[in-house]
Protein backbone atom coordinates (compact mmCIF):
# COMPACT_ATOMS: atom_id res chain seq x y z
CA MET A 1 2.87 24.41 11.95
CA SER A 2 5.28 21.49 12.21
CA THR A 3 7.04 20.35 15.36
CA ILE A 4 10.32 18.50 15.82
CA ILE A 5 10.00 14.92 17.04
CA GLN A 6 12.98 13.89 19.15
CA LEU A 7 13.54 10.47 17.62
CA VAL A 8 16.62 8.93 16.02
CA GLN A 9 15.81 7.85 12.46
CA GLY A 10 16.03 4.07 12.20
CA SER A 11 15.58 3.47 15.95
CA PRO A 12 12.87 1.11 17.31
CA ASP A 13 10.95 4.09 18.73
CA TRP A 14 11.09 5.81 15.35
CA LEU A 15 9.76 2.67 13.63
CA SER A 16 6.89 2.41 16.13
CA TYR A 17 6.11 6.10 15.66
CA ARG A 18 5.94 5.69 11.88
CA LEU A 19 3.21 3.06 12.16
CA THR A 20 0.86 5.71 13.54
CA MET A 21 1.72 8.49 11.08
CA ARG A 22 1.19 9.47 7.45
CA ASN A 23 4.84 9.33 6.37
CA ALA A 24 6.48 10.99 3.38
CA SER A 25 8.20 7.77 2.26
CA GLU A 26 4.79 6.05 2.11
CA THR A 27 2.99 8.67 0.06
CA ALA A 28 4.05 7.23 -3.30
CA ALA A 29 2.43 3.91 -2.30
CA VAL A 30 -0.74 5.69 -1.14
CA LEU A 31 -0.96 7.48 -4.51
CA GLY A 32 -0.25 4.27 -6.45
CA VAL A 33 3.01 5.52 -8.03
CA SER A 34 5.54 3.52 -6.02
CA PRO A 35 7.50 0.89 -8.00
CA TRP A 36 8.08 -1.11 -4.80
CA CYS A 37 4.91 -0.94 -2.71
CA THR A 38 1.22 -1.00 -3.63
CA PRO A 39 -1.60 0.48 -1.50
CA TYR A 40 -2.54 -3.05 -0.44
CA GLN A 41 1.03 -3.87 0.59
CA LEU A 42 1.23 -0.63 2.57
CA TRP A 43 -2.06 -1.49 4.27
CA LEU A 44 -0.56 -4.82 5.35
CA LEU A 45 2.42 -2.97 6.83
CA LYS A 46 0.39 -0.27 8.58
CA THR A 47 -2.00 -2.82 10.14
CA GLY A 48 0.83 -5.03 11.39
CA ARG A 49 0.03 -7.91 9.04
CA ALA A 50 3.44 -7.65 7.35
CA SER A 51 6.86 -6.23 8.11
CA THR A 52 9.39 -4.38 5.98
CA ALA A 53 12.30 -6.45 4.74
CA VAL A 54 15.63 -4.60 4.76
CA THR A 55 17.22 -5.02 1.34
CA ALA A 56 20.84 -4.64 0.25
CA ALA A 57 19.90 -1.44 -1.57
CA MET A 58 18.39 0.01 1.63
CA GLN A 59 21.49 -0.90 3.64
CA HIS A 60 23.68 0.66 0.95
CA GLY A 61 21.73 3.92 1.09
CA THR A 62 21.81 4.08 4.89
CA ALA A 63 25.55 3.44 5.01
CA LEU A 64 26.34 6.13 2.41
CA GLU A 65 24.00 8.82 3.74
CA PRO A 66 26.50 10.58 6.07
CA ALA A 67 29.10 10.78 3.30
CA ALA A 68 26.45 11.95 0.86
CA ARG A 69 25.32 14.71 3.22
CA ALA A 70 28.91 15.83 3.76
CA ALA A 71 29.49 15.95 0.00
CA TYR A 72 26.30 17.96 -0.47
CA GLU A 73 27.32 20.45 2.23
CA ALA A 74 30.80 20.78 0.73
CA GLN A 75 29.39 21.49 -2.74
CA THR A 76 26.59 23.88 -1.72
CA GLY A 77 27.84 25.43 1.50
CA ASN A 78 24.51 24.57 3.15
CA ILE A 79 24.64 23.09 6.65
CA MET A 80 21.83 20.55 6.93
CA GLN A 81 20.40 18.97 10.08
CA PRO A 82 18.62 15.57 9.87
CA LEU A 83 15.38 15.59 11.84
CA VAL A 84 11.86 14.23 12.11
CA LEU A 85 9.01 16.71 11.70
CA GLN A 86 5.30 16.29 12.38
CA ASP A 87 2.35 18.39 11.27
CA GLY A 88 -0.88 16.90 12.58
CA ALA A 89 -1.21 13.37 11.23
CA TYR A 90 1.62 13.89 8.73
CA SER A 91 5.27 13.12 9.37
CA ALA A 92 8.50 13.60 7.43
CA SER A 93 11.90 12.17 8.28
CA LEU A 94 14.23 14.65 6.62
CA ASP A 95 17.77 13.88 5.52
CA GLY A 96 18.52 17.51 6.23
CA MET A 97 17.06 21.00 6.77
CA ASP A 98 18.90 24.32 6.89
CA LEU A 99 18.95 26.49 10.00
CA GLU A 100 16.36 28.89 8.56
CA GLY A 101 13.92 26.09 7.80
CA GLN A 102 13.53 27.19 4.19
CA LEU A 103 15.52 24.44 2.43
CA ILE A 104 15.46 20.66 2.80
CA VAL A 105 17.52 17.94 1.16
CA GLU A 106 16.47 14.44 0.18
CA ILE A 107 19.44 12.10 -0.31
CA LYS A 108 19.38 9.09 -2.62
CA CYS A 109 22.30 6.70 -2.98
CA PRO A 110 21.34 4.24 -5.73
CA TYR A 111 22.92 0.81 -5.43
CA ARG A 112 24.25 0.95 -9.01
CA GLY A 113 25.48 4.53 -8.73
CA GLN A 114 25.88 6.24 -12.09
CA ASP A 115 24.62 3.10 -13.85
CA SER A 116 21.23 3.43 -12.15
CA ALA A 117 18.06 4.67 -13.81
CA LEU A 118 17.74 7.32 -11.09
CA TRP A 119 21.14 8.83 -11.91
CA ARG A 120 20.27 9.01 -15.61
CA GLU A 121 16.85 10.52 -14.94
CA VAL A 122 18.11 13.21 -12.56
CA LYS A 123 21.01 14.00 -14.88
CA ALA A 124 18.41 14.54 -17.63
CA GLY A 125 16.55 16.95 -15.32
CA TRP A 126 13.67 14.70 -14.32
CA VAL A 127 12.51 13.61 -10.86
CA PRO A 128 10.68 10.24 -10.87
CA ASP A 129 7.05 10.42 -9.74
CA HIS A 130 7.57 8.36 -6.58
CA TYR A 131 10.38 10.61 -5.36
CA ALA A 132 8.50 13.74 -6.40
CA ALA A 133 5.56 12.64 -4.22
CA GLN A 134 7.86 12.01 -1.26
CA ILE A 135 9.54 15.40 -1.61
CA GLN A 136 6.26 17.30 -1.95
CA HIS A 137 5.08 15.58 1.24
CA GLN A 138 8.29 16.71 2.95
CA LEU A 139 7.83 20.28 1.75
CA MET A 140 4.22 20.22 2.94
CA VAL A 141 5.15 19.06 6.45
CA SER A 142 8.26 21.20 6.84
CA GLY A 143 6.89 24.39 5.32
CA ALA A 144 10.19 24.84 3.46
CA LYS A 145 10.18 26.78 0.21
CA LEU A 146 12.58 24.56 -1.70
CA ALA A 147 13.96 21.02 -1.71
CA HIS A 148 17.16 19.66 -3.17
CA LEU A 149 17.22 16.10 -4.46
CA TRP A 150 20.82 14.95 -4.03
CA VAL A 151 21.82 11.73 -5.80
CA PHE A 152 25.19 10.41 -4.65
CA ASP A 153 27.26 7.55 -6.09
CA GLY A 154 29.85 7.38 -3.32
CA ALA A 155 32.14 9.99 -4.83
CA GLN A 156 30.07 12.41 -6.90
CA GLY A 157 26.62 13.90 -6.56
CA LEU A 158 23.85 15.32 -8.74
CA LEU A 159 21.61 18.11 -7.44
CA ARG A 160 18.07 18.72 -8.67
CA PRO A 161 15.99 21.58 -7.14
CA VAL A 162 12.32 20.79 -6.45
CA GLU A 163 9.88 23.62 -5.79
CA ARG A 164 6.61 23.47 -3.84
CA ILE A 165 3.52 22.47 -5.83
CA GLU A 166 0.37 23.18 -3.85
CA GLU A 167 -1.82 21.08 -6.17
CA ALA A 168 0.44 18.09 -5.54
CA MET A 169 0.12 18.61 -1.80
CA GLN A 170 -3.66 18.61 -2.06
CA ARG A 171 -3.51 15.32 -3.98
CA ILE A 172 -1.36 13.94 -1.18
CA ARG A 173 -3.88 14.97 1.48
CA ASP A 174 -6.79 13.58 -0.56
CA GLY A 175 -4.93 10.31 -1.13
CA TRP A 176 -4.15 9.86 2.54
CA GLU A 177 -7.72 10.64 3.57
CA LEU A 178 -8.93 7.87 1.26
CA PHE A 179 -6.27 5.45 2.50
CA GLN A 180 -7.06 6.29 6.13
CA GLY A 181 -10.57 5.00 5.53
CA TYR A 182 -9.13 1.58 4.70
CA LEU A 183 -7.10 1.66 7.92
CA ASP A 184 -9.99 2.82 10.10
CA SER A 185 -12.36 0.18 8.73
CA ASP A 186 -9.68 -2.53 8.62
CA THR A 187 -10.62 -3.06 4.99
CA PRO A 188 -7.88 -3.66 2.40
CA PRO A 189 -7.61 -1.36 -0.64
CA PRO A 190 -8.39 -2.90 -4.04
CA LEU A 191 -5.60 -5.00 -5.51
CA THR A 192 -3.62 -3.53 -8.40
CA ASP A 193 -1.48 -5.02 -11.17
CA GLY A 194 1.49 -4.57 -8.85
CA ASP A 195 -0.03 -7.13 -6.47
CA THR A 196 -0.03 -9.83 -9.15
CA VAL A 197 2.93 -12.21 -9.48
CA LEU A 198 3.08 -14.18 -12.74
CA ARG A 199 4.04 -17.82 -12.19
CA GLU A 200 5.48 -20.06 -14.92
CA ASP A 201 7.34 -22.62 -12.83
CA VAL A 202 6.65 -26.34 -13.21
CA GLY A 203 5.08 -26.84 -9.78
CA TRP A 204 2.56 -24.05 -10.29
CA THR A 205 1.75 -25.13 -13.86
CA GLN A 206 1.04 -28.73 -12.82
CA ALA A 207 -1.13 -27.66 -9.86
CA ALA A 208 -3.01 -25.16 -12.03
CA GLN A 209 -3.71 -27.75 -14.72
CA ALA A 210 -4.98 -30.19 -12.09
CA PHE A 211 -7.27 -27.51 -10.69
CA VAL A 212 -8.68 -26.60 -14.11
CA GLU A 213 -9.41 -30.26 -14.92
CA ALA A 214 -10.99 -30.88 -11.50
CA LYS A 215 -13.10 -27.73 -11.76
CA ARG A 216 -14.30 -28.71 -15.25
CA ALA A 217 -15.38 -32.12 -13.91
CA ALA A 218 -17.01 -30.52 -10.85
CA ASP A 219 -18.90 -28.00 -13.00
CA GLY A 220 -20.21 -30.83 -15.14
CA ALA A 221 -21.30 -32.74 -12.05
CA ASP A 222 -22.98 -29.61 -10.61
CA ALA A 223 -24.92 -29.10 -13.83
CA ALA A 224 -26.08 -32.72 -13.82
CA LEU A 225 -27.04 -32.41 -10.14
CA VAL A 226 -29.12 -29.27 -10.79
CA GLN A 227 -30.89 -30.95 -13.71
CA ALA A 228 -31.72 -34.09 -11.69
CA ARG A 229 -32.95 -32.00 -8.74
CA GLU A 230 -35.23 -29.93 -10.98
CA ALA A 231 -36.70 -33.15 -12.42
CA LEU A 232 -37.45 -34.53 -8.93
CA VAL A 233 -39.04 -31.26 -7.76
CA ALA A 234 -41.22 -31.19 -10.87
CA LEU A 235 -42.44 -34.72 -10.10
CA ALA A 236 -43.18 -34.01 -6.43
CA GLY A 237 -46.66 -32.65 -5.65
CA HIS A 238 -46.96 -33.37 -1.89
CA PRO A 239 -45.27 -31.80 1.18
CA ARG A 240 -42.99 -34.82 1.39
CA GLU A 241 -42.33 -37.61 -1.09
CA GLN A 242 -39.78 -40.38 -0.82
CA GLY A 243 -38.48 -43.20 -2.98
CA ALA A 244 -35.33 -44.88 -4.29
CA GLY A 245 -33.29 -43.39 -1.45
CA VAL A 246 -34.28 -39.76 -2.16
CA THR A 247 -36.69 -37.51 -0.19
CA VAL A 248 -38.21 -34.25 -1.48
CA THR A 249 -39.59 -32.01 1.29
CA ARG A 250 -41.36 -28.67 0.88
CA TYR A 251 -41.08 -26.25 3.82
CA TRP A 252 -41.32 -22.56 4.64
CA LYS A 253 -38.29 -20.53 5.67
CA ALA A 254 -38.36 -17.14 7.37
CA GLY A 255 -37.11 -14.26 5.22
CA ASN A 256 -33.83 -12.44 5.94
CA VAL A 257 -33.92 -9.25 7.99
CA ASP A 258 -33.09 -6.14 5.96
CA TYR A 259 -31.19 -4.25 8.66
CA LYS A 260 -31.05 -1.11 6.51
CA LYS A 261 -34.80 -0.74 6.99
CA VAL A 262 -34.76 -1.05 10.80
CA PRO A 263 -35.63 2.47 12.13
CA ALA A 264 -33.60 2.02 15.33
CA LEU A 265 -30.48 1.34 13.25
CA GLN A 266 -30.80 4.36 10.96
CA GLY A 267 -27.65 6.48 11.16
CA LEU A 268 -25.95 4.04 13.51
CA ASP A 269 -22.38 3.11 12.62
CA LEU A 270 -22.22 -0.68 12.89
CA ASN A 271 -18.51 -0.89 12.05
CA CYS A 272 -17.62 -0.88 15.76
CA TYR A 273 -19.47 -4.20 16.06
CA ARG A 274 -17.66 -5.72 13.09
CA GLY A 275 -15.03 -8.37 13.72
CA LYS A 276 -11.43 -7.98 12.57
CA SER A 277 -10.86 -8.52 8.86
CA ARG A 278 -9.55 -11.95 8.00
CA GLU A 279 -7.81 -13.20 4.93
CA GLU A 280 -9.70 -15.64 2.72
CA VAL A 281 -8.52 -17.35 -0.44
CA ARG A 282 -10.41 -17.49 -3.74
CA VAL A 283 -9.14 -19.68 -6.60
CA THR A 284 -10.52 -19.01 -10.08
CA SER A 285 -9.75 -20.13 -13.60
CA ALA A 286 -10.13 -18.45 -16.96
CA THR A 287 -11.94 -21.48 -18.42
């Protein structure tokens, strides 16, 4: 059963609240179907390591939303109330819900209007996967029977009904449970193709070529070092031998402790003793 959260959408309190919740607008990223945000990027946002940049398209949509809602109400006769709903760990900031709680509306105001891909797709009768995931999340939290996707260009609107799909809602819950594990353990999700930026600029190309050449020289030096070390060890038959500025010493080192085999630690969750995740950088080459 959902409850109404008395917060103004877009307010600082609303933004703080969203950091603690499983939000409808984030579900596409959790499921890996968002064209704008990957699971890793969402993890950065939810853990406070990054912040959301407000784009011109976002500002455009926010500015047009009241007019879009009024146009929707005029066309359908439905009176819709914007509100924030919560059901357990799940939250949905609705652009509108009717008085009976059986119908919700999700408003989209694409920056390019009728020239946008969204307008063409909805006009053809198709709801993009990332918006479908958001709307199913909203239906799940609100308990409404039906949603209307309303795409508005500033003067005209397109309406696309979206019915509840229980299987989609289960996928949403499963996806969030998996993602919550990354949040709880402070461990980032695996990177996806969406996290890769292809660089072809001059500065990057020159630095990359310098790295490849340096790595090739270092690899050759490492191989020569290993070969020379093996030759010295093969020649040394005493605990310590020295000559020509090099010393070979044989010694005993205690083995590592296999903590998984310590009876007192069996079943004990050690994550609470783990330090905060930190970012490290790995540079690799294809050669």
